């Protein structure tokens, strides 16, 4: 289990299986590694049980991954007092292209992400800016995958993600940003940090897959 803990509670937006959506007063983000067909229960059950055993206290946002969480990729971008960190865990399994039908022969028993991305800004973002940050992070994910030329299945278009990717954005501290669009410094830093983290992770995942 990979745990990001905050000195002071912050706000988080995500579609994580446990405590997803908009959340305030979040103390931790948890990325929990599970076997693809572990049969360990629902995502919520697995996350609550694992966090309980680890002694996680306070409100936490929980996501699952089939990636080896010993291999995580943390990149920070900074300009002046504004800092953004991007952390990814990556497994190039269950690759998919947006809009394609999921084949019956590729069942998914537990929604464990192949590509999880956590973005943390050291200044407070409006709800609109947090949603915009998820959009920037998603664009970075698709660009990194396209640059890697990974495909979902033979003779199919390039992959835009995996079956169960998850992105979380956390923000807190001084300052206030109403926008995270690509023409803002915040949007630029998010894009750079996400791209560098994802590219490094995809290079490593592809190398391990080749081995």
C-alpha atoms as a PDB file:
ATOM      1  CA  UNK A   1       0.000   0.000   0.000  1.00  0.00           C
ATOM      2  CA  UNK A   2       1.214   3.464  -0.932  1.00  0.00           C
ATOM      3  CA  UNK A   3       0.038   6.254   1.367  1.00  0.00           C
ATOM      4  CA  UNK A   4       0.262  10.005   0.811  1.00  0.00           C
ATOM      5  CA  UNK A   5      -0.320  11.831   4.088  1.00  0.00           C
ATOM      6  CA  UNK A   6      -0.987  15.550   4.446  1.00  0.00           C
ATOM      7  CA  UNK A   7       0.274  17.709   7.315  1.00  0.00           C
ATOM      8  CA  UNK A   8      -3.054  19.521   7.275  1.00  0.00           C
ATOM      9  CA  UNK A   9      -6.347  18.160   5.892  1.00  0.00           C
ATOM     10  CA  UNK A  10      -6.961  19.194   2.308  1.00  0.00           C
ATOM     11  CA  UNK A  11      -9.623  18.912  -0.383  1.00  0.00           C
ATOM     12  CA  UNK A  12      -9.560  16.116  -2.949  1.00  0.00           C
ATOM     13  CA  UNK A  13     -11.554  15.343  -6.075  1.00  0.00           C
ATOM     14  CA  UNK A  14     -11.417  11.914  -7.703  1.00  0.00           C
ATOM     15  CA  UNK A  15     -13.490   8.992  -8.878  1.00  0.00           C
ATOM     16  CA  UNK A  16     -11.727   6.652  -6.438  1.00  0.00           C
ATOM     17  CA  UNK A  17     -13.809   3.620  -5.394  1.00  0.00           C
ATOM     18  CA  UNK A  18     -13.689   4.703  -1.733  1.00  0.00           C
ATOM     19  CA  UNK A  19     -14.561   8.307  -0.817  1.00  0.00           C
ATOM     20  CA  UNK A  20     -14.511   9.506  -4.407  1.00  0.00           C
ATOM     21  CA  UNK A  21     -16.129  12.731  -5.636  1.00  0.00           C
ATOM     22  CA  UNK A  22     -15.427  16.056  -3.903  1.00  0.00           C
ATOM     23  CA  UNK A  23     -14.067  15.568  -0.395  1.00  0.00           C
ATOM     24  CA  UNK A  24     -12.828  18.046   2.193  1.00  0.00           C
ATOM     25  CA  UNK A  25     -10.698  17.453   5.290  1.00  0.00           C
ATOM     26  CA  UNK A  26      -8.846  14.553   3.666  1.00  0.00           C
ATOM     27  CA  UNK A  27      -5.815  13.356   5.616  1.00  0.00           C
ATOM     28  CA  UNK A  28      -4.512  10.616   3.291  1.00  0.00           C
ATOM     29  CA  UNK A  29      -4.705   9.234  -0.232  1.00  0.00           C
ATOM     30  CA  UNK A  30      -4.186   5.459  -0.379  1.00  0.00           C
ATOM     31  CA  UNK A  31      -3.140   3.451  -3.443  1.00  0.00           C
ATOM     32  CA  UNK A  32      -3.546  -0.228  -2.580  1.00  0.00           C
ATOM     33  CA  UNK A  33      -2.041  -3.040  -4.650  1.00  0.00           C
ATOM     34  CA  UNK A  34      -4.265  -6.085  -5.217  1.00  0.00           C
ATOM     35  CA  UNK A  35      -4.067  -9.187  -7.373  1.00  0.00           C
ATOM     36  CA  UNK A  36      -6.244  -8.907 -10.478  1.00  0.00           C
ATOM     37  CA  UNK A  37      -8.390 -11.894  -9.515  1.00  0.00           C
ATOM     38  CA  UNK A  38      -7.919 -11.969  -5.760  1.00  0.00           C
ATOM     39  CA  UNK A  39     -11.586 -12.452  -4.893  1.00  0.00           C
ATOM     40  CA  UNK A  40     -10.895 -10.434  -1.745  1.00  0.00           C
ATOM     41  CA  UNK A  41     -14.258  -8.641  -1.765  1.00  0.00           C
ATOM     42  CA  UNK A  42     -15.546  -5.322  -3.043  1.00  0.00           C
ATOM     43  CA  UNK A  43     -13.095  -2.443  -3.589  1.00  0.00           C
ATOM     44  CA  UNK A  44     -14.563  -0.619  -0.595  1.00  0.00           C
ATOM     45  CA  UNK A  45     -14.134  -3.678   1.641  1.00  0.00           C
ATOM     46  CA  UNK A  46     -10.558  -4.286   0.523  1.00  0.00           C
ATOM     47  CA  UNK A  47      -9.586  -0.646   1.069  1.00  0.00           C
ATOM     48  CA  UNK A  48     -11.224  -0.311   4.486  1.00  0.00           C
ATOM     49  CA  UNK A  49      -9.701  -3.580   5.698  1.00  0.00           C
ATOM     50  CA  UNK A  50      -6.210  -2.791   4.419  1.00  0.00           C
ATOM     51  CA  UNK A  51      -6.233   0.777   5.741  1.00  0.00           C
ATOM     52  CA  UNK A  52      -7.474  -0.467   9.115  1.00  0.00           C
ATOM     53  CA  UNK A  53      -4.644  -2.987   9.373  1.00  0.00           C
ATOM     54  CA  UNK A  54      -2.152  -0.244   8.507  1.00  0.00           C
ATOM     55  CA  UNK A  55      -3.538   2.050  11.209  1.00  0.00           C
ATOM     56  CA  UNK A  56      -4.673   4.784   8.815  1.00  0.00           C
ATOM     57  CA  UNK A  57      -6.567   7.421  10.805  1.00  0.00           C
ATOM     58  CA  UNK A  58      -8.849  10.189   9.580  1.00  0.00           C
ATOM     59  CA  UNK A  59     -10.622  10.600   6.254  1.00  0.00           C
ATOM     60  CA  UNK A  60      -8.819   8.991   3.336  1.00  0.00           C
ATOM     61  CA  UNK A  61      -9.441   8.588  -0.377  1.00  0.00           C
ATOM     62  CA  UNK A  62      -8.753   5.024  -1.508  1.00  0.00           C
ATOM     63  CA  UNK A  63      -7.933   3.602  -4.919  1.00  0.00           C
ATOM     64  CA  UNK A  64      -6.790   0.174  -6.075  1.00  0.00           C
ATOM     65  CA  UNK A  65      -4.058  -0.824  -8.509  1.00  0.00           C
ATOM     66  CA  UNK A  66      -2.726  -3.985 -10.090  1.00  0.00           C
ATOM     67  CA  UNK A  67       0.662  -2.274 -10.483  1.00  0.00           C
ATOM     68  CA  UNK A  68       3.661  -3.033  -8.286  1.00  0.00           C
ATOM     69  CA  UNK A  69       3.523  -0.053  -5.940  1.00  0.00           C
ATOM     70  CA  UNK A  70       7.207  -0.414  -5.120  1.00  0.00           C
ATOM     71  CA  UNK A  71       7.640   1.168  -8.547  1.00  0.00           C
ATOM     72  CA  UNK A  72       6.084   4.608  -8.291  1.00  0.00           C
ATOM     73  CA  UNK A  73       7.035   7.768 -10.130  1.00  0.00           C
ATOM     74  CA  UNK A  74       7.074  11.075  -8.272  1.00  0.00           C
ATOM     75  CA  UNK A  75       7.797  14.304 -10.146  1.00  0.00           C
ATOM     76  CA  UNK A  76       7.563  17.874  -8.844  1.00  0.00           C
ATOM     77  CA  UNK A  77       7.256  21.113 -10.805  1.00  0.00           C
ATOM     78  CA  UNK A  78       7.650  24.537  -9.238  1.00  0.00           C
ATOM     79  CA  UNK A  79       7.467  28.190 -10.193  1.00  0.00           C
ATOM     80  CA  UNK A  80       7.908  30.682  -7.401  1.00  0.00           C
ATOM     81  CA  UNK A  81       5.779  29.656  -4.449  1.00  0.00           C
ATOM     82  CA  UNK A  82       3.511  27.395  -6.520  1.00  0.00           C
ATOM     83  CA  UNK A  83       4.417  23.700  -6.420  1.00  0.00           C
ATOM     84  CA  UNK A  84       2.753  20.698  -8.021  1.00  0.00           C
ATOM     85  CA  UNK A  85       3.620  17.045  -7.460  1.00  0.00           C
ATOM     86  CA  UNK A  86       2.451  14.153  -9.639  1.00  0.00           C
ATOM     87  CA  UNK A  87       2.737  10.534  -8.529  1.00  0.00           C
ATOM     88  CA  UNK A  88       1.820   7.586 -10.748  1.00  0.00           C
ATOM     89  CA  UNK A  89       1.651   3.807 -10.420  1.00  0.00           C
ATOM     90  CA  UNK A  90       1.450   1.990 -13.734  1.00  0.00           C
ATOM     91  CA  UNK A  91       0.728  -1.469 -15.085  1.00  0.00           C
ATOM     92  CA  UNK A  92       0.227  -1.817 -18.841  1.00  0.00           C
ATOM     93  CA  UNK A  93      -2.514  -4.419 -18.469  1.00  0.00           C
ATOM     94  CA  UNK A  94      -6.143  -4.215 -19.598  1.00  0.00           C
ATOM     95  CA  UNK A  95      -5.242  -1.482 -22.076  1.00  0.00           C
ATOM     96  CA  UNK A  96      -8.297   0.072 -23.709  1.00  0.00           C
ATOM     97  CA  UNK A  97      -9.232   2.694 -26.277  1.00  0.00           C
ATOM     98  CA  UNK A  98     -12.022   5.106 -25.420  1.00  0.00           C
ATOM     99  CA  UNK A  99     -15.289   4.087 -27.067  1.00  0.00           C
ATOM    100  CA  UNK A 100     -14.326   0.516 -27.916  1.00  0.00           C
ATOM    101  CA  UNK A 101     -16.439  -2.402 -26.736  1.00  0.00           C
ATOM    102  CA  UNK A 102     -14.900  -4.423 -23.923  1.00  0.00           C
ATOM    103  CA  UNK A 103     -14.535  -8.031 -25.117  1.00  0.00           C
ATOM    104  CA  UNK A 104     -16.323 -10.767 -23.180  1.00  0.00           C
ATOM    105  CA  UNK A 105     -13.121 -12.803 -23.020  1.00  0.00           C
ATOM    106  CA  UNK A 106     -11.409 -10.084 -20.946  1.00  0.00           C
ATOM    107  CA  UNK A 107     -13.374 -10.123 -17.666  1.00  0.00           C
ATOM    108  CA  UNK A 108     -12.532  -7.746 -14.832  1.00  0.00           C
ATOM    109  CA  UNK A 109     -13.318  -9.093 -11.380  1.00  0.00           C
ATOM    110  CA  UNK A 110     -12.042  -6.125  -9.354  1.00  0.00           C
ATOM    111  CA  UNK A 111     -11.747  -2.537 -10.538  1.00  0.00           C
ATOM    112  CA  UNK A 112      -8.037  -2.202  -9.822  1.00  0.00           C
ATOM    113  CA  UNK A 113      -6.428   0.475 -11.915  1.00  0.00           C
ATOM    114  CA  UNK A 114      -3.615  -0.179 -14.302  1.00  0.00           C
ATOM    115  CA  UNK A 115      -2.738   3.520 -14.243  1.00  0.00           C
ATOM    116  CA  UNK A 116      -3.336   5.644 -11.145  1.00  0.00           C
ATOM    117  CA  UNK A 117      -2.285   9.282 -10.998  1.00  0.00           C
ATOM    118  CA  UNK A 118      -2.277  11.536  -7.937  1.00  0.00           C
ATOM    119  CA  UNK A 119      -1.751  15.290  -8.339  1.00  0.00           C
ATOM    120  CA  UNK A 120      -1.065  17.536  -5.333  1.00  0.00           C
ATOM    121  CA  UNK A 121      -0.942  21.351  -5.448  1.00  0.00           C
ATOM    122  CA  UNK A 122       0.401  23.312  -2.487  1.00  0.00           C
ATOM    123  CA  UNK A 123      -2.164  26.096  -2.968  1.00  0.00           C
ATOM    124  CA  UNK A 124      -5.939  26.010  -2.760  1.00  0.00           C
ATOM    125  CA  UNK A 125      -7.949  25.481  -5.935  1.00  0.00           C
ATOM    126  CA  UNK A 126     -11.585  26.266  -6.568  1.00  0.00           C
ATOM    127  CA  UNK A 127     -13.843  23.330  -7.443  1.00  0.00           C
ATOM    128  CA  UNK A 128     -13.762  24.466 -11.043  1.00  0.00           C
ATOM    129  CA  UNK A 129      -9.966  24.521 -11.053  1.00  0.00           C
ATOM    130  CA  UNK A 130      -9.825  21.059  -9.497  1.00  0.00           C
ATOM    131  CA  UNK A 131     -12.028  19.641 -12.252  1.00  0.00           C
ATOM    132  CA  UNK A 132      -9.895  21.451 -14.816  1.00  0.00           C
ATOM    133  CA  UNK A 133      -6.816  19.887 -13.203  1.00  0.00           C
ATOM    134  CA  UNK A 134      -8.286  16.413 -13.743  1.00  0.00           C
ATOM    135  CA  UNK A 135      -8.816  17.347 -17.400  1.00  0.00           C
ATOM    136  CA  UNK A 136      -5.174  18.449 -17.734  1.00  0.00           C
ATOM    137  CA  UNK A 137      -3.972  15.242 -16.034  1.00  0.00           C
ATOM    138  CA  UNK A 138      -6.159  13.139 -18.348  1.00  0.00           C
ATOM    139  CA  UNK A 139      -4.746  14.889 -21.419  1.00  0.00           C
ATOM    140  CA  UNK A 140      -1.255  14.165 -20.110  1.00  0.00           C
ATOM    141  CA  UNK A 141      -2.161  10.491 -19.635  1.00  0.00           C
ATOM    142  CA  UNK A 142      -3.447  10.143 -23.193  1.00  0.00           C
ATOM    143  CA  UNK A 143      -0.426  11.977 -24.664  1.00  0.00           C
ATOM    144  CA  UNK A 144       2.004   9.817 -22.674  1.00  0.00           C
ATOM    145  CA  UNK A 145       0.232   6.654 -23.860  1.00  0.00           C
ATOM    146  CA  UNK A 146       0.209   7.853 -27.466  1.00  0.00           C
ATOM    147  CA  UNK A 147       3.907   8.690 -27.266  1.00  0.00           C
ATOM    148  CA  UNK A 148       4.481   5.125 -26.006  1.00  0.00           C
ATOM    149  CA  UNK A 149       2.515   3.743 -29.007  1.00  0.00           C
ATOM    150  CA  UNK A 150       0.719   1.166 -26.857  1.00  0.00           C
ATOM    151  CA  UNK A 151      -2.365  -0.511 -28.340  1.00  0.00           C
ATOM    152  CA  UNK A 152      -5.300  -2.124 -26.571  1.00  0.00           C
ATOM    153  CA  UNK A 153      -5.401  -5.230 -28.771  1.00  0.00           C
ATOM    154  CA  UNK A 154      -3.767  -6.342 -32.035  1.00  0.00           C
ATOM    155  CA  UNK A 155      -4.998  -4.356 -35.032  1.00  0.00           C
ATOM    156  CA  UNK A 156      -6.737  -1.849 -32.768  1.00  0.00           C
ATOM    157  CA  UNK A 157      -6.160   1.902 -32.289  1.00  0.00           C
ATOM    158  CA  UNK A 158      -3.649   3.166 -29.777  1.00  0.00           C
ATOM    159  CA  UNK A 159      -4.701   2.858 -26.139  1.00  0.00           C
ATOM    160  CA  UNK A 160      -5.995   5.899 -24.285  1.00  0.00           C
ATOM    161  CA  UNK A 161      -5.916   4.219 -20.869  1.00  0.00           C
ATOM    162  CA  UNK A 162      -6.636   0.987 -19.075  1.00  0.00           C
ATOM    163  CA  UNK A 163      -9.932  -0.486 -17.902  1.00  0.00           C
ATOM    164  CA  UNK A 164      -9.800   1.086 -14.446  1.00  0.00           C
ATOM    165  CA  UNK A 165      -7.571   4.165 -14.377  1.00  0.00           C
ATOM    166  CA  UNK A 166      -8.066   6.633 -11.546  1.00  0.00           C
ATOM    167  CA  UNK A 167      -6.961  10.239 -11.079  1.00  0.00           C
ATOM    168  CA  UNK A 168      -7.085  12.224  -7.837  1.00  0.00           C
ATOM    169  CA  UNK A 169      -6.300  15.929  -7.382  1.00  0.00           C
ATOM    170  CA  UNK A 170      -5.548  17.351  -3.933  1.00  0.00           C
ATOM    171  CA  UNK A 171      -5.086  20.996  -2.998  1.00  0.00           C
ATOM    172  CA  UNK A 172      -4.612  23.088   0.105  1.00  0.00           C
ATOM    173  CA  UNK A 173      -2.539  25.816   1.691  1.00  0.00           C
ATOM    174  CA  UNK A 174      -2.366  29.522   1.018  1.00  0.00           C
ATOM    175  CA  UNK A 175      -3.338  31.233  -2.214  1.00  0.00           C
ATOM    176  CA  UNK A 176      -6.384  30.590  -4.353  1.00  0.00           C
ATOM    177  CA  UNK A 177      -6.676  29.590  -8.003  1.00  0.00           C
ATOM    178  CA  UNK A 178      -9.920  29.825  -9.925  1.00  0.00           C
ATOM    179  CA  UNK A 179      -8.527  28.275 -13.115  1.00  0.00           C
ATOM    180  CA  UNK A 180      -6.089  25.534 -14.105  1.00  0.00           C
ATOM    181  CA  UNK A 181      -6.393  25.870 -17.875  1.00  0.00           C
ATOM    182  CA  UNK A 182      -3.392  25.247 -20.101  1.00  0.00           C
ATOM    183  CA  UNK A 183      -2.590  28.953 -20.435  1.00  0.00           C
ATOM    184  CA  UNK A 184      -2.148  29.347 -16.660  1.00  0.00           C
ATOM    185  CA  UNK A 185       1.039  28.631 -14.742  1.00  0.00           C
ATOM    186  CA  UNK A 186      -0.854  26.115 -12.630  1.00  0.00           C
ATOM    187  CA  UNK A 187      -2.055  24.232 -15.699  1.00  0.00           C
ATOM    188  CA  UNK A 188       1.452  24.242 -17.148  1.00  0.00           C
ATOM    189  CA  UNK A 189       2.993  22.827 -13.965  1.00  0.00           C
ATOM    190  CA  UNK A 190       0.319  20.128 -13.667  1.00  0.00           C
ATOM    191  CA  UNK A 191       0.821  19.112 -17.283  1.00  0.00           C
ATOM    192  CA  UNK A 192       4.615  18.967 -16.987  1.00  0.00           C
ATOM    193  CA  UNK A 193       4.639  17.000 -13.738  1.00  0.00           C
ATOM    194  CA  UNK A 194       2.043  14.503 -14.986  1.00  0.00           C
ATOM    195  CA  UNK A 195       3.783  13.972 -18.318  1.00  0.00           C
ATOM    196  CA  UNK A 196       7.189  13.376 -16.738  1.00  0.00           C
ATOM    197  CA  UNK A 197       5.796  10.987 -14.128  1.00  0.00           C
ATOM    198  CA  UNK A 198       3.723   9.001 -16.631  1.00  0.00           C
ATOM    199  CA  UNK A 199       6.446   8.824 -19.269  1.00  0.00           C
ATOM    200  CA  UNK A 200       8.964   7.518 -16.746  1.00  0.00           C
ATOM    201  CA  UNK A 201       6.488   4.949 -15.464  1.00  0.00           C
ATOM    202  CA  UNK A 202       5.471   3.794 -18.937  1.00  0.00           C
ATOM    203  CA  UNK A 203       9.099   3.413 -20.007  1.00  0.00           C
ATOM    204  CA  UNK A 204       9.781   1.273 -16.965  1.00  0.00           C
ATOM    205  CA  UNK A 205       6.573  -0.770 -17.344  1.00  0.00           C
ATOM    206  CA  UNK A 206       7.267  -1.395 -21.028  1.00  0.00           C
ATOM    207  CA  UNK A 207      10.837  -2.434 -20.217  1.00  0.00           C
ATOM    208  CA  UNK A 208       9.660  -4.918 -17.572  1.00  0.00           C
ATOM    209  CA  UNK A 209       7.018  -6.242 -19.982  1.00  0.00           C
ATOM    210  CA  UNK A 210       9.682  -6.788 -22.654  1.00  0.00           C
ATOM    211  CA  UNK A 211      11.866  -8.675 -20.196  1.00  0.00           C
END
